[in-house]
Amino acid sequence: MTGAYPVLHWGSSRSAGQSPRTWTRTFRGTPASVPRARRFVGELLVGCPAREVLLMCVSELCANAIAHTPSGDGGVFIVEISCPRDGVARVAVTDEGGPSVPAAGPSDLMAEGGRGLALVAACTTRWGYAEAYPGRTVWAEACWPVPVPSPGRDGPGQSSRRPRSLIQPDDRPPAPPDPAA
């Protein structure tokens, strides 16, 4: 069941040239805000093939904002969800900045912390950060395959007599001759 957020459809539903969809929400920089941020993201990503991965990412990014930046000292952080194109979803957390830059993996392999961004890096298509004066935005993207029509076939939104897949049977190259035959 979803709450106050729209339910998105994660297929190829947008037409060419349509702008990306983006949703943002500001949270207090307290540990209690992490599950609220997860709920915000989770309700927007219902049906998204990368929902669970992005929920893990938003938990890590929010926890880092609270633990490593002034956002956790009475400040705030902003969570943004965007769908820049079909087959891609991005979560981003903008905090109030800090003295160090985000890094995937601990500098000391025996350290207790520092593995969260390594997990984000391992589970997503790509991640990164950007300065967002006066703070910093850390983001992660997840991608999944979407049907792409072959040239000369029905385009998005047009009817087709057969279901589309990533490769249609007649699009495959012929099998090479069997040398044993």
C-alpha atoms as a PDB file:
ATOM      1  CA  MET A   1       0.000   0.000   0.000  1.00  0.00           C
ATOM      2  CA  THR A   2       1.330   3.459  -0.812  1.00  0.00           C
ATOM      3  CA  GLY A   3       0.887   6.655   1.122  1.00  0.00           C
ATOM      4  CA  ALA A   4       1.003  10.270  -0.012  1.00  0.00           C
ATOM      5  CA  TYR A   5       3.485   9.692  -2.842  1.00  0.00           C
ATOM      6  CA  PRO A   6       2.583   8.846  -6.430  1.00  0.00           C
ATOM      7  CA  VAL A   7       2.927   5.307  -7.702  1.00  0.00           C
ATOM      8  CA  LEU A   8       5.309   5.361 -10.646  1.00  0.00           C
ATOM      9  CA  HIS A   9       5.204   3.037 -13.610  1.00  0.00           C
ATOM     10  CA  TRP A  10       8.656   1.723 -14.472  1.00  0.00           C
ATOM     11  CA  GLY A  11       8.152   0.589 -18.056  1.00  0.00           C
ATOM     12  CA  SER A  12       8.812   2.492 -21.265  1.00  0.00           C
ATOM     13  CA  SER A  13       6.015   4.953 -20.693  1.00  0.00           C
ATOM     14  CA  ARG A  14       7.655   8.300 -21.445  1.00  0.00           C
ATOM     15  CA  SER A  15       7.824   9.799 -24.869  1.00  0.00           C
ATOM     16  CA  ALA A  16      11.038  11.076 -26.411  1.00  0.00           C
ATOM     17  CA  GLY A  17      12.002  14.533 -25.223  1.00  0.00           C
ATOM     18  CA  GLN A  18       9.986  14.314 -22.015  1.00  0.00           C
ATOM     19  CA  SER A  19      11.882  15.734 -19.051  1.00  0.00           C
ATOM     20  CA  PRO A  20      13.086  13.482 -16.211  1.00  0.00           C
ATOM     21  CA  ARG A  21      10.816  12.990 -13.234  1.00  0.00           C
ATOM     22  CA  THR A  22      12.265  14.173  -9.903  1.00  0.00           C
ATOM     23  CA  TRP A  23      10.959  14.168  -6.337  1.00  0.00           C
ATOM     24  CA  THR A  24      12.693  15.742  -3.332  1.00  0.00           C
ATOM     25  CA  ARG A  25      12.091  15.919   0.381  1.00  0.00           C
ATOM     26  CA  THR A  26      14.039  17.499   3.240  1.00  0.00           C
ATOM     27  CA  PHE A  27      14.638  15.564   6.471  1.00  0.00           C
ATOM     28  CA  ARG A  28      16.000  16.534   9.878  1.00  0.00           C
ATOM     29  CA  GLY A  29      19.521  15.242  10.447  1.00  0.00           C
ATOM     30  CA  THR A  30      18.551  12.654  13.065  1.00  0.00           C
ATOM     31  CA  PRO A  31      18.746   8.839  13.023  1.00  0.00           C
ATOM     32  CA  ALA A  32      14.925   8.710  13.151  1.00  0.00           C
ATOM     33  CA  SER A  33      14.874  10.338   9.700  1.00  0.00           C
ATOM     34  CA  VAL A  34      16.583   7.383   7.999  1.00  0.00           C
ATOM     35  CA  PRO A  35      13.503   5.110   8.058  1.00  0.00           C
ATOM     36  CA  ARG A  36      11.357   8.083   6.997  1.00  0.00           C
ATOM     37  CA  ALA A  37      13.644   8.656   4.023  1.00  0.00           C
ATOM     38  CA  ARG A  38      13.462   4.935   3.170  1.00  0.00           C
ATOM     39  CA  ARG A  39       9.663   5.089   3.293  1.00  0.00           C
ATOM     40  CA  PHE A  40       9.659   8.158   0.991  1.00  0.00           C
ATOM     41  CA  VAL A  41      11.919   6.385  -1.519  1.00  0.00           C
ATOM     42  CA  GLY A  42      10.211   3.005  -1.154  1.00  0.00           C
ATOM     43  CA  GLU A  43       6.771   4.384  -1.904  1.00  0.00           C
ATOM     44  CA  LEU A  44       8.039   6.170  -5.007  1.00  0.00           C
ATOM     45  CA  LEU A  45       9.881   3.089  -6.262  1.00  0.00           C
ATOM     46  CA  VAL A  46       7.011   0.586  -5.993  1.00  0.00           C
ATOM     47  CA  GLY A  47       7.371  -1.698  -9.004  1.00  0.00           C
ATOM     48  CA  CYS A  48      10.878  -0.487  -9.855  1.00  0.00           C
ATOM     49  CA  PRO A  49      13.192  -3.415 -10.658  1.00  0.00           C
ATOM     50  CA  ALA A  50      15.990  -1.745  -8.641  1.00  0.00           C
ATOM     51  CA  ARG A  51      13.855  -0.812  -5.615  1.00  0.00           C
ATOM     52  CA  GLU A  52      15.645  -2.927  -2.982  1.00  0.00           C
ATOM     53  CA  VAL A  53      19.114  -1.847  -4.104  1.00  0.00           C
ATOM     54  CA  LEU A  54      18.149   1.819  -4.070  1.00  0.00           C
ATOM     55  CA  LEU A  55      16.527   1.472  -0.643  1.00  0.00           C
ATOM     56  CA  MET A  56      19.814   0.085   0.696  1.00  0.00           C
ATOM     57  CA  CYS A  57      21.653   2.990  -0.941  1.00  0.00           C
ATOM     58  CA  VAL A  58      19.407   5.669   0.508  1.00  0.00           C
ATOM     59  CA  SER A  59      19.824   4.147   3.979  1.00  0.00           C
ATOM     60  CA  GLU A  60      23.611   4.277   3.652  1.00  0.00           C
ATOM     61  CA  LEU A  61      23.719   7.766   2.156  1.00  0.00           C
ATOM     62  CA  CYS A  62      21.374   9.202   4.801  1.00  0.00           C
ATOM     63  CA  ALA A  63      23.271   7.517   7.643  1.00  0.00           C
ATOM     64  CA  ASN A  64      26.532   8.931   6.258  1.00  0.00           C
ATOM     65  CA  ALA A  65      25.035  12.427   6.045  1.00  0.00           C
ATOM     66  CA  ILE A  66      24.073  12.204   9.718  1.00  0.00           C
ATOM     67  CA  ALA A  67      27.321  10.619  10.925  1.00  0.00           C
ATOM     68  CA  HIS A  68      29.919  12.526   8.897  1.00  0.00           C
ATOM     69  CA  THR A  69      28.546  16.020   8.227  1.00  0.00           C
ATOM     70  CA  PRO A  70      26.991  18.923  10.142  1.00  0.00           C
ATOM     71  CA  SER A  71      23.616  17.603   8.945  1.00  0.00           C
ATOM     72  CA  GLY A  72      23.767  15.312  11.989  1.00  0.00           C
ATOM     73  CA  ASP A  73      24.468  18.217  14.365  1.00  0.00           C
ATOM     74  CA  GLY A  74      21.050  19.828  14.178  1.00  0.00           C
ATOM     75  CA  GLY A  75      21.055  20.250  10.389  1.00  0.00           C
ATOM     76  CA  VAL A  76      19.089  18.693   7.562  1.00  0.00           C
ATOM     77  CA  PHE A  77      19.633  16.562   4.472  1.00  0.00           C
ATOM     78  CA  ILE A  78      17.698  16.379   1.227  1.00  0.00           C
ATOM     79  CA  VAL A  79      16.718  13.144  -0.523  1.00  0.00           C
ATOM     80  CA  GLU A  80      16.058  13.251  -4.247  1.00  0.00           C
ATOM     81  CA  ILE A  81      14.696  10.494  -6.463  1.00  0.00           C
ATOM     82  CA  SER A  82      14.894  10.886 -10.204  1.00  0.00           C
ATOM     83  CA  CYS A  83      14.249   8.865 -13.316  1.00  0.00           C
ATOM     84  CA  PRO A  84      16.538  10.442 -15.907  1.00  0.00           C
ATOM     85  CA  ARG A  85      15.479   7.980 -18.632  1.00  0.00           C
ATOM     86  CA  ASP A  86      13.731   4.644 -19.074  1.00  0.00           C
ATOM     87  CA  GLY A  87      15.573   1.861 -17.283  1.00  0.00           C
ATOM     88  CA  VAL A  88      17.406   4.188 -14.867  1.00  0.00           C
ATOM     89  CA  ALA A  89      16.594   5.399 -11.364  1.00  0.00           C
ATOM     90  CA  ARG A  90      18.806   7.586  -9.187  1.00  0.00           C
ATOM     91  CA  VAL A  91      18.801   8.387  -5.481  1.00  0.00           C
ATOM     92  CA  ALA A  92      20.774  11.351  -4.186  1.00  0.00           C
ATOM     93  CA  VAL A  93      21.348  12.740  -0.701  1.00  0.00           C
ATOM     94  CA  THR A  94      22.526  16.318  -0.261  1.00  0.00           C
ATOM     95  CA  ASP A  95      24.003  17.025   3.166  1.00  0.00           C
ATOM     96  CA  GLU A  96      25.602  20.078   4.755  1.00  0.00           C
ATOM     97  CA  GLY A  97      29.117  19.106   3.697  1.00  0.00           C
ATOM     98  CA  GLY A  98      32.043  17.799   5.670  1.00  0.00           C
ATOM     99  CA  PRO A  99      35.822  17.815   5.864  1.00  0.00           C
ATOM    100  CA  SER A 100      36.386  14.584   3.919  1.00  0.00           C
ATOM    101  CA  VAL A 101      35.185  13.352   0.558  1.00  0.00           C
ATOM    102  CA  PRO A 102      33.144  10.160   0.171  1.00  0.00           C
ATOM    103  CA  ALA A 103      35.266   7.090  -0.605  1.00  0.00           C
ATOM    104  CA  ALA A 104      34.256   3.504  -1.353  1.00  0.00           C
ATOM    105  CA  GLY A 105      36.109   1.220   1.046  1.00  0.00           C
ATOM    106  CA  PRO A 106      37.987   1.802   4.287  1.00  0.00           C
ATOM    107  CA  SER A 107      41.553   3.095   4.191  1.00  0.00           C
ATOM    108  CA  ASP A 108      42.294   0.559   6.953  1.00  0.00           C
ATOM    109  CA  LEU A 109      40.926  -2.907   6.145  1.00  0.00           C
ATOM    110  CA  MET A 110      40.628  -3.659   9.867  1.00  0.00           C
ATOM    111  CA  ALA A 111      38.539  -0.527  10.547  1.00  0.00           C
ATOM    112  CA  GLU A 112      35.022  -0.951  11.888  1.00  0.00           C
ATOM    113  CA  GLY A 113      33.420   1.418   9.385  1.00  0.00           C
ATOM    114  CA  GLY A 114      33.939   2.572   5.832  1.00  0.00           C
ATOM    115  CA  ARG A 115      32.392  -0.284   3.932  1.00  0.00           C
ATOM    116  CA  GLY A 116      28.989   1.261   3.243  1.00  0.00           C
ATOM    117  CA  LEU A 117      29.977   3.153   0.111  1.00  0.00           C
ATOM    118  CA  ALA A 118      31.855   0.084  -1.119  1.00  0.00           C
ATOM    119  CA  LEU A 119      28.551  -1.785  -0.868  1.00  0.00           C
ATOM    120  CA  VAL A 120      26.782   1.042  -2.732  1.00  0.00           C
ATOM    121  CA  ALA A 121      29.468   0.911  -5.442  1.00  0.00           C
ATOM    122  CA  ALA A 122      29.197  -2.871  -5.748  1.00  0.00           C
ATOM    123  CA  CYS A 123      25.386  -2.949  -5.986  1.00  0.00           C
ATOM    124  CA  THR A 124      24.717  -0.057  -8.346  1.00  0.00           C
ATOM    125  CA  THR A 125      25.542   0.782 -11.938  1.00  0.00           C
ATOM    126  CA  ARG A 126      27.444   3.872 -10.854  1.00  0.00           C
ATOM    127  CA  TRP A 127      27.728   6.315  -7.976  1.00  0.00           C
ATOM    128  CA  GLY A 128      29.476   9.578  -7.262  1.00  0.00           C
ATOM    129  CA  TYR A 129      29.409  12.888  -5.498  1.00  0.00           C
ATOM    130  CA  ALA A 130      29.368  16.573  -6.363  1.00  0.00           C
ATOM    131  CA  GLU A 131      29.883  19.721  -4.384  1.00  0.00           C
ATOM    132  CA  ALA A 132      26.556  21.430  -3.749  1.00  0.00           C
ATOM    133  CA  TYR A 133      27.480  24.718  -2.112  1.00  0.00           C
ATOM    134  CA  PRO A 134      27.509  24.786   0.854  1.00  0.00           C
ATOM    135  CA  GLY A 135      27.143  21.007   1.091  1.00  0.00           C
ATOM    136  CA  ARG A 136      27.718  17.881  -0.956  1.00  0.00           C
ATOM    137  CA  THR A 137      25.460  15.543  -2.941  1.00  0.00           C
ATOM    138  CA  VAL A 138      26.204  11.808  -3.000  1.00  0.00           C
ATOM    139  CA  TRP A 139      24.215   9.799  -5.532  1.00  0.00           C
ATOM    140  CA  ALA A 140      23.765   6.255  -6.815  1.00  0.00           C
ATOM    141  CA  GLU A 141      22.140   4.986 -10.019  1.00  0.00           C
ATOM    142  CA  ALA A 142      20.699   1.611 -10.870  1.00  0.00           C
ATOM    143  CA  CYS A 143      19.859   0.461 -14.398  1.00  0.00           C
ATOM    144  CA  TRP A 144      17.860  -2.416 -15.829  1.00  0.00           C
ATOM    145  CA  PRO A 145      17.099  -3.555 -19.381  1.00  0.00           C
ATOM    146  CA  VAL A 146      14.149  -2.069 -21.214  1.00  0.00           C
ATOM    147  CA  PRO A 147      12.695  -3.162 -24.557  1.00  0.00           C
ATOM    148  CA  VAL A 148      14.091  -1.269 -27.528  1.00  0.00           C
ATOM    149  CA  PRO A 149      12.281  -1.596 -30.859  1.00  0.00           C
ATOM    150  CA  SER A 150      14.342  -2.542 -33.896  1.00  0.00           C
ATOM    151  CA  PRO A 151      14.410  -0.123 -36.853  1.00  0.00           C
ATOM    152  CA  GLY A 152      11.348  -0.514 -39.041  1.00  0.00           C
ATOM    153  CA  ARG A 153       9.259  -2.003 -36.226  1.00  0.00           C
ATOM    154  CA  ASP A 154       6.583  -0.464 -34.075  1.00  0.00           C
ATOM    155  CA  GLY A 155       7.908   2.311 -31.830  1.00  0.00           C
ATOM    156  CA  PRO A 156       6.972   3.019 -28.206  1.00  0.00           C
ATOM    157  CA  GLY A 157       3.252   3.535 -27.763  1.00  0.00           C
ATOM    158  CA  GLN A 158       2.341   1.844 -31.058  1.00  0.00           C
ATOM    159  CA  SER A 159       0.607  -1.482 -31.224  1.00  0.00           C
ATOM    160  CA  SER A 160       2.392  -4.676 -32.098  1.00  0.00           C
ATOM    161  CA  ARG A 161       1.046  -8.125 -32.912  1.00  0.00           C
ATOM    162  CA  ARG A 162       3.604  -9.863 -30.710  1.00  0.00           C
ATOM    163  CA  PRO A 163       5.206  -9.043 -27.367  1.00  0.00           C
ATOM    164  CA  ARG A 164       8.532  -7.244 -27.503  1.00  0.00           C
ATOM    165  CA  SER A 165      11.667  -8.578 -25.916  1.00  0.00           C
ATOM    166  CA  LEU A 166      15.198  -7.282 -25.987  1.00  0.00           C
ATOM    167  CA  ILE A 167      15.981  -9.495 -29.020  1.00  0.00           C
ATOM    168  CA  GLN A 168      13.266 -10.838 -31.278  1.00  0.00           C
ATOM    169  CA  PRO A 169      13.828 -14.369 -32.643  1.00  0.00           C
ATOM    170  CA  ASP A 170      14.227 -13.120 -36.235  1.00  0.00           C
ATOM    171  CA  ASP A 171      16.781 -10.511 -35.073  1.00  0.00           C
ATOM    172  CA  ARG A 172      19.294 -13.161 -34.031  1.00  0.00           C
ATOM    173  CA  PRO A 173      22.125 -13.992 -36.440  1.00  0.00           C
ATOM    174  CA  PRO A 174      21.894 -17.411 -38.068  1.00  0.00           C
ATOM    175  CA  ALA A 175      23.613 -20.216 -36.180  1.00  0.00           C
ATOM    176  CA  PRO A 176      27.044 -21.140 -37.544  1.00  0.00           C
ATOM    177  CA  PRO A 177      27.249 -24.437 -39.409  1.00  0.00           C
ATOM    178  CA  ASP A 178      27.969 -27.458 -37.237  1.00  0.00           C
ATOM    179  CA  PRO A 179      31.522 -28.679 -38.122  1.00  0.00           C
ATOM    180  CA  ALA A 180      30.652 -32.220 -36.991  1.00  0.00           C
ATOM    181  CA  ALA A 181      27.857 -32.500 -39.557  1.00  0.00           C
END
